[in-house]
Amino acid sequence: MTPEPLWRHLLGHQLRAARHRRGDTLEETARRAGISPQYLSEIERGRKEPSSEMIAAVAGALEVTLAELTRAVAATLRGPTCRAGYALAA
């Protein structure tokens, strides 16, 4: 059985998808969130386990609510392709 993906990986994919939908660069989003572009990149790649405050700051910079972000990650976990490489929620 294939293990479920880690929350931080799914969260990072959702944040990157939201940033791309906005047409923002890493630098723009990171500046609005008050973090470095390098740290935002690591969050998006699932390499960092951000604090709830950091998640809230990035979500705010992307103009998405924590509830929307959580629902998107949960929907990905429930999706049929989750264990087979997980698809991004649009």
N, C-alpha and C. Protein backbone atom coordinates (compact mmCIF):
# COMPACT_ATOMS: atom_id res chain seq x y z
N MET A 1 0.84 -1.18 0.00
CA MET A 1 0.00 0.00 0.00
C MET A 1 0.88 1.24 0.00
N THR A 2 0.57 2.18 -0.86
CA THR A 2 1.32 3.42 -0.96
C THR A 2 0.95 4.33 0.20
N PRO A 3 1.93 4.90 0.89
CA PRO A 3 1.60 5.78 2.01
C PRO A 3 0.96 7.08 1.54
N GLU A 4 0.14 7.64 2.40
CA GLU A 4 -0.46 8.94 2.09
C GLU A 4 0.63 10.00 2.07
N PRO A 5 0.43 11.04 1.26
CA PRO A 5 1.42 12.13 1.24
C PRO A 5 1.38 12.89 2.56
N LEU A 6 2.45 13.57 2.86
CA LEU A 6 2.52 14.38 4.06
C LEU A 6 1.72 15.66 3.88
N TRP A 7 1.15 16.14 4.99
CA TRP A 7 0.37 17.38 4.97
C TRP A 7 1.20 18.53 4.39
N ARG A 8 2.46 18.64 4.79
CA ARG A 8 3.28 19.76 4.33
C ARG A 8 3.46 19.74 2.81
N HIS A 9 3.49 18.55 2.21
CA HIS A 9 3.62 18.48 0.75
C HIS A 9 2.35 18.97 0.08
N LEU A 10 1.20 18.53 0.58
CA LEU A 10 -0.07 18.96 0.00
C LEU A 10 -0.29 20.45 0.21
N LEU A 11 0.03 20.93 1.40
CA LEU A 11 -0.09 22.35 1.70
C LEU A 11 0.78 23.16 0.75
N GLY A 12 2.01 22.75 0.57
CA GLY A 12 2.91 23.45 -0.33
C GLY A 12 2.39 23.50 -1.75
N HIS A 13 1.84 22.39 -2.22
CA HIS A 13 1.27 22.36 -3.57
C HIS A 13 0.09 23.32 -3.69
N GLN A 14 -0.75 23.36 -2.67
CA GLN A 14 -1.90 24.26 -2.70
C GLN A 14 -1.46 25.73 -2.67
N LEU A 15 -0.46 26.03 -1.87
CA LEU A 15 0.05 27.41 -1.82
C LEU A 15 0.65 27.82 -3.16
N ARG A 16 1.43 26.93 -3.75
CA ARG A 16 2.03 27.25 -5.05
C ARG A 16 0.95 27.43 -6.11
N ALA A 17 -0.07 26.56 -6.09
CA ALA A 17 -1.16 26.68 -7.06
C ALA A 17 -1.89 28.02 -6.89
N ALA A 18 -2.12 28.42 -5.65
CA ALA A 18 -2.79 29.70 -5.39
C ALA A 18 -1.92 30.87 -5.88
N ARG A 19 -0.62 30.78 -5.65
CA ARG A 19 0.29 31.84 -6.11
C ARG A 19 0.31 31.92 -7.63
N HIS A 20 0.34 30.79 -8.28
CA HIS A 20 0.34 30.77 -9.75
C HIS A 20 -0.98 31.31 -10.30
N ARG A 21 -2.10 30.95 -9.66
CA ARG A 21 -3.40 31.48 -10.13
C ARG A 21 -3.41 33.00 -10.06
N ARG A 22 -2.75 33.57 -9.06
CA ARG A 22 -2.68 35.02 -8.91
C ARG A 22 -1.67 35.64 -9.88
N GLY A 23 -0.78 34.83 -10.42
CA GLY A 23 0.26 35.35 -11.30
C GLY A 23 1.39 36.02 -10.53
N ASP A 24 1.53 35.66 -9.24
CA ASP A 24 2.56 36.25 -8.39
C ASP A 24 3.88 35.51 -8.51
N THR A 25 4.95 36.23 -8.27
CA THR A 25 6.26 35.59 -8.14
C THR A 25 6.47 35.21 -6.68
N LEU A 26 7.46 34.37 -6.44
CA LEU A 26 7.83 34.04 -5.07
C LEU A 26 8.15 35.31 -4.29
N GLU A 27 8.88 36.21 -4.92
CA GLU A 27 9.30 37.44 -4.25
C GLU A 27 8.11 38.29 -3.83
N GLU A 28 7.12 38.42 -4.70
CA GLU A 28 5.94 39.24 -4.37
C GLU A 28 5.17 38.67 -3.18
N THR A 29 4.90 37.38 -3.26
CA THR A 29 4.14 36.74 -2.19
C THR A 29 4.92 36.74 -0.89
N ALA A 30 6.21 36.43 -0.96
CA ALA A 30 7.04 36.40 0.25
C ALA A 30 7.09 37.79 0.90
N ARG A 31 7.22 38.83 0.10
CA ARG A 31 7.27 40.19 0.65
C ARG A 31 5.99 40.51 1.40
N ARG A 32 4.84 40.19 0.79
CA ARG A 32 3.56 40.47 1.44
C ARG A 32 3.39 39.64 2.72
N ALA A 33 3.93 38.42 2.73
CA ALA A 33 3.81 37.55 3.90
C ALA A 33 4.85 37.88 4.97
N GLY A 34 5.87 38.65 4.61
CA GLY A 34 6.91 39.00 5.58
C GLY A 34 7.93 37.90 5.80
N ILE A 35 8.16 37.09 4.76
CA ILE A 35 9.16 36.02 4.85
C ILE A 35 10.09 36.10 3.65
N SER A 36 11.15 35.33 3.67
CA SER A 36 12.09 35.34 2.55
C SER A 36 11.54 34.48 1.41
N PRO A 37 11.89 34.84 0.18
CA PRO A 37 11.48 34.01 -0.96
C PRO A 37 12.01 32.58 -0.85
N GLN A 38 13.20 32.42 -0.28
CA GLN A 38 13.77 31.09 -0.13
C GLN A 38 12.93 30.23 0.81
N TYR A 39 12.46 30.84 1.90
CA TYR A 39 11.64 30.10 2.85
C TYR A 39 10.30 29.73 2.23
N LEU A 40 9.70 30.66 1.50
CA LEU A 40 8.43 30.37 0.82
C LEU A 40 8.63 29.23 -0.18
N SER A 41 9.73 29.24 -0.90
CA SER A 41 10.02 28.17 -1.84
C SER A 41 10.10 26.82 -1.13
N GLU A 42 10.74 26.80 0.01
CA GLU A 42 10.87 25.55 0.76
C GLU A 42 9.51 25.08 1.29
N ILE A 43 8.66 26.02 1.68
CA ILE A 43 7.30 25.66 2.11
C ILE A 43 6.55 25.05 0.93
N GLU A 44 6.62 25.70 -0.22
CA GLU A 44 5.91 25.22 -1.40
C GLU A 44 6.39 23.84 -1.85
N ARG A 45 7.66 23.54 -1.65
CA ARG A 45 8.20 22.24 -2.04
C ARG A 45 8.01 21.19 -0.95
N GLY A 46 7.38 21.57 0.15
CA GLY A 46 7.12 20.61 1.23
C GLY A 46 8.34 20.27 2.04
N ARG A 47 9.34 21.12 2.01
CA ARG A 47 10.58 20.84 2.74
C ARG A 47 10.58 21.43 4.14
N LYS A 48 9.69 22.37 4.39
CA LYS A 48 9.59 22.99 5.71
C LYS A 48 8.21 22.72 6.28
N GLU A 49 8.15 22.62 7.59
CA GLU A 49 6.90 22.42 8.33
C GLU A 49 6.57 23.78 8.96
N PRO A 50 5.84 24.64 8.24
CA PRO A 50 5.62 26.00 8.75
C PRO A 50 4.68 26.02 9.95
N SER A 51 4.87 27.03 10.80
CA SER A 51 3.99 27.22 11.95
C SER A 51 2.62 27.71 11.46
N SER A 52 1.65 27.64 12.33
CA SER A 52 0.31 28.11 11.96
C SER A 52 0.34 29.60 11.65
N GLU A 53 1.18 30.36 12.35
CA GLU A 53 1.31 31.79 12.07
C GLU A 53 1.87 32.02 10.68
N MET A 54 2.84 31.20 10.30
CA MET A 54 3.45 31.35 8.97
C MET A 54 2.45 30.98 7.88
N ILE A 55 1.69 29.91 8.10
CA ILE A 55 0.67 29.51 7.13
C ILE A 55 -0.35 30.63 6.97
N ALA A 56 -0.77 31.22 8.08
CA ALA A 56 -1.74 32.32 8.04
C ALA A 56 -1.17 33.52 7.28
N ALA A 57 0.10 33.82 7.48
CA ALA A 57 0.73 34.95 6.78
C ALA A 57 0.77 34.72 5.28
N VAL A 58 1.14 33.52 4.86
CA VAL A 58 1.20 33.21 3.43
C VAL A 58 -0.20 33.18 2.83
N ALA A 59 -1.14 32.57 3.53
CA ALA A 59 -2.52 32.54 3.05
C ALA A 59 -3.05 33.96 2.88
N GLY A 60 -2.78 34.81 3.86
CA GLY A 60 -3.22 36.21 3.76
C GLY A 60 -2.59 36.92 2.58
N ALA A 61 -1.30 36.66 2.34
CA ALA A 61 -0.62 37.26 1.20
C ALA A 61 -1.21 36.80 -0.12
N LEU A 62 -1.78 35.60 -0.12
CA LEU A 62 -2.40 35.05 -1.32
C LEU A 62 -3.91 35.34 -1.39
N GLU A 63 -4.41 36.00 -0.36
CA GLU A 63 -5.83 36.34 -0.26
C GLU A 63 -6.73 35.10 -0.29
N VAL A 64 -6.29 34.06 0.43
CA VAL A 64 -7.13 32.88 0.65
C VAL A 64 -7.27 32.71 2.16
N THR A 65 -8.38 32.18 2.58
CA THR A 65 -8.57 31.97 4.02
C THR A 65 -7.96 30.63 4.42
N LEU A 66 -7.71 30.51 5.70
CA LEU A 66 -7.21 29.23 6.21
C LEU A 66 -8.24 28.12 5.97
N ALA A 67 -9.51 28.47 6.07
CA ALA A 67 -10.57 27.48 5.83
C ALA A 67 -10.52 27.00 4.37
N GLU A 68 -10.36 27.91 3.43
CA GLU A 68 -10.28 27.53 2.01
C GLU A 68 -9.06 26.64 1.76
N LEU A 69 -7.96 27.03 2.35
CA LEU A 69 -6.72 26.27 2.18
C LEU A 69 -6.86 24.87 2.77
N THR A 70 -7.43 24.78 3.95
CA THR A 70 -7.62 23.49 4.61
C THR A 70 -8.56 22.61 3.81
N ARG A 71 -9.65 23.19 3.29
CA ARG A 71 -10.59 22.41 2.47
C ARG A 71 -9.90 21.88 1.21
N ALA A 72 -9.05 22.70 0.59
CA ALA A 72 -8.36 22.27 -0.63
C ALA A 72 -7.42 21.10 -0.34
N VAL A 73 -6.69 21.18 0.77
CA VAL A 73 -5.80 20.08 1.13
C VAL A 73 -6.61 18.83 1.45
N ALA A 74 -7.69 19.00 2.20
CA ALA A 74 -8.54 17.85 2.56
C ALA A 74 -9.16 17.22 1.32
N ALA A 75 -9.58 18.04 0.37
CA ALA A 75 -10.16 17.51 -0.86
C ALA A 75 -9.13 16.69 -1.63
N THR A 76 -7.89 17.14 -1.63
CA THR A 76 -6.83 16.40 -2.28
C THR A 76 -6.62 15.05 -1.59
N LEU A 77 -6.66 15.05 -0.28
CA LEU A 77 -6.51 13.80 0.47
C LEU A 77 -7.64 12.82 0.18
N ARG A 78 -8.85 13.34 -0.03
CA ARG A 78 -9.99 12.48 -0.30
C ARG A 78 -10.05 12.02 -1.75
N GLY A 79 -9.33 12.71 -2.63
CA GLY A 79 -9.42 12.42 -4.05
C GLY A 79 -8.90 11.05 -4.43
N PRO A 80 -9.40 10.53 -5.55
CA PRO A 80 -9.03 9.18 -5.98
C PRO A 80 -7.57 9.04 -6.39
N THR A 81 -6.91 10.15 -6.75
CA THR A 81 -5.52 10.04 -7.20
C THR A 81 -4.53 10.36 -6.08
N CYS A 82 -5.02 10.57 -4.90
CA CYS A 82 -4.14 10.99 -3.80
C CYS A 82 -2.99 10.02 -3.57
N ARG A 83 -3.29 8.77 -3.44
CA ARG A 83 -2.22 7.79 -3.15
C ARG A 83 -1.36 7.47 -4.37
N ALA A 84 -1.81 7.88 -5.52
CA ALA A 84 -1.05 7.58 -6.73
C ALA A 84 -0.35 8.82 -7.26
N GLY A 85 0.07 9.70 -6.38
CA GLY A 85 0.83 10.87 -6.81
C GLY A 85 0.11 12.17 -6.59
N TYR A 86 -1.02 12.18 -6.00
CA TYR A 86 -1.90 13.29 -5.68
C TYR A 86 -1.93 14.40 -6.72
N ALA A 87 -3.14 14.75 -7.09
CA ALA A 87 -3.40 15.83 -8.03
C ALA A 87 -3.68 17.10 -7.28
N LEU A 88 -3.32 18.21 -7.86
CA LEU A 88 -3.60 19.51 -7.25
C LEU A 88 -5.06 19.87 -7.43
N ALA A 89 -5.61 20.46 -6.40
CA ALA A 89 -6.97 21.00 -6.52
C ALA A 89 -6.87 22.32 -7.27
N ALA A 90 -7.74 22.51 -8.23
CA ALA A 90 -7.71 23.74 -9.02
C ALA A 90 -8.39 24.83 -8.32
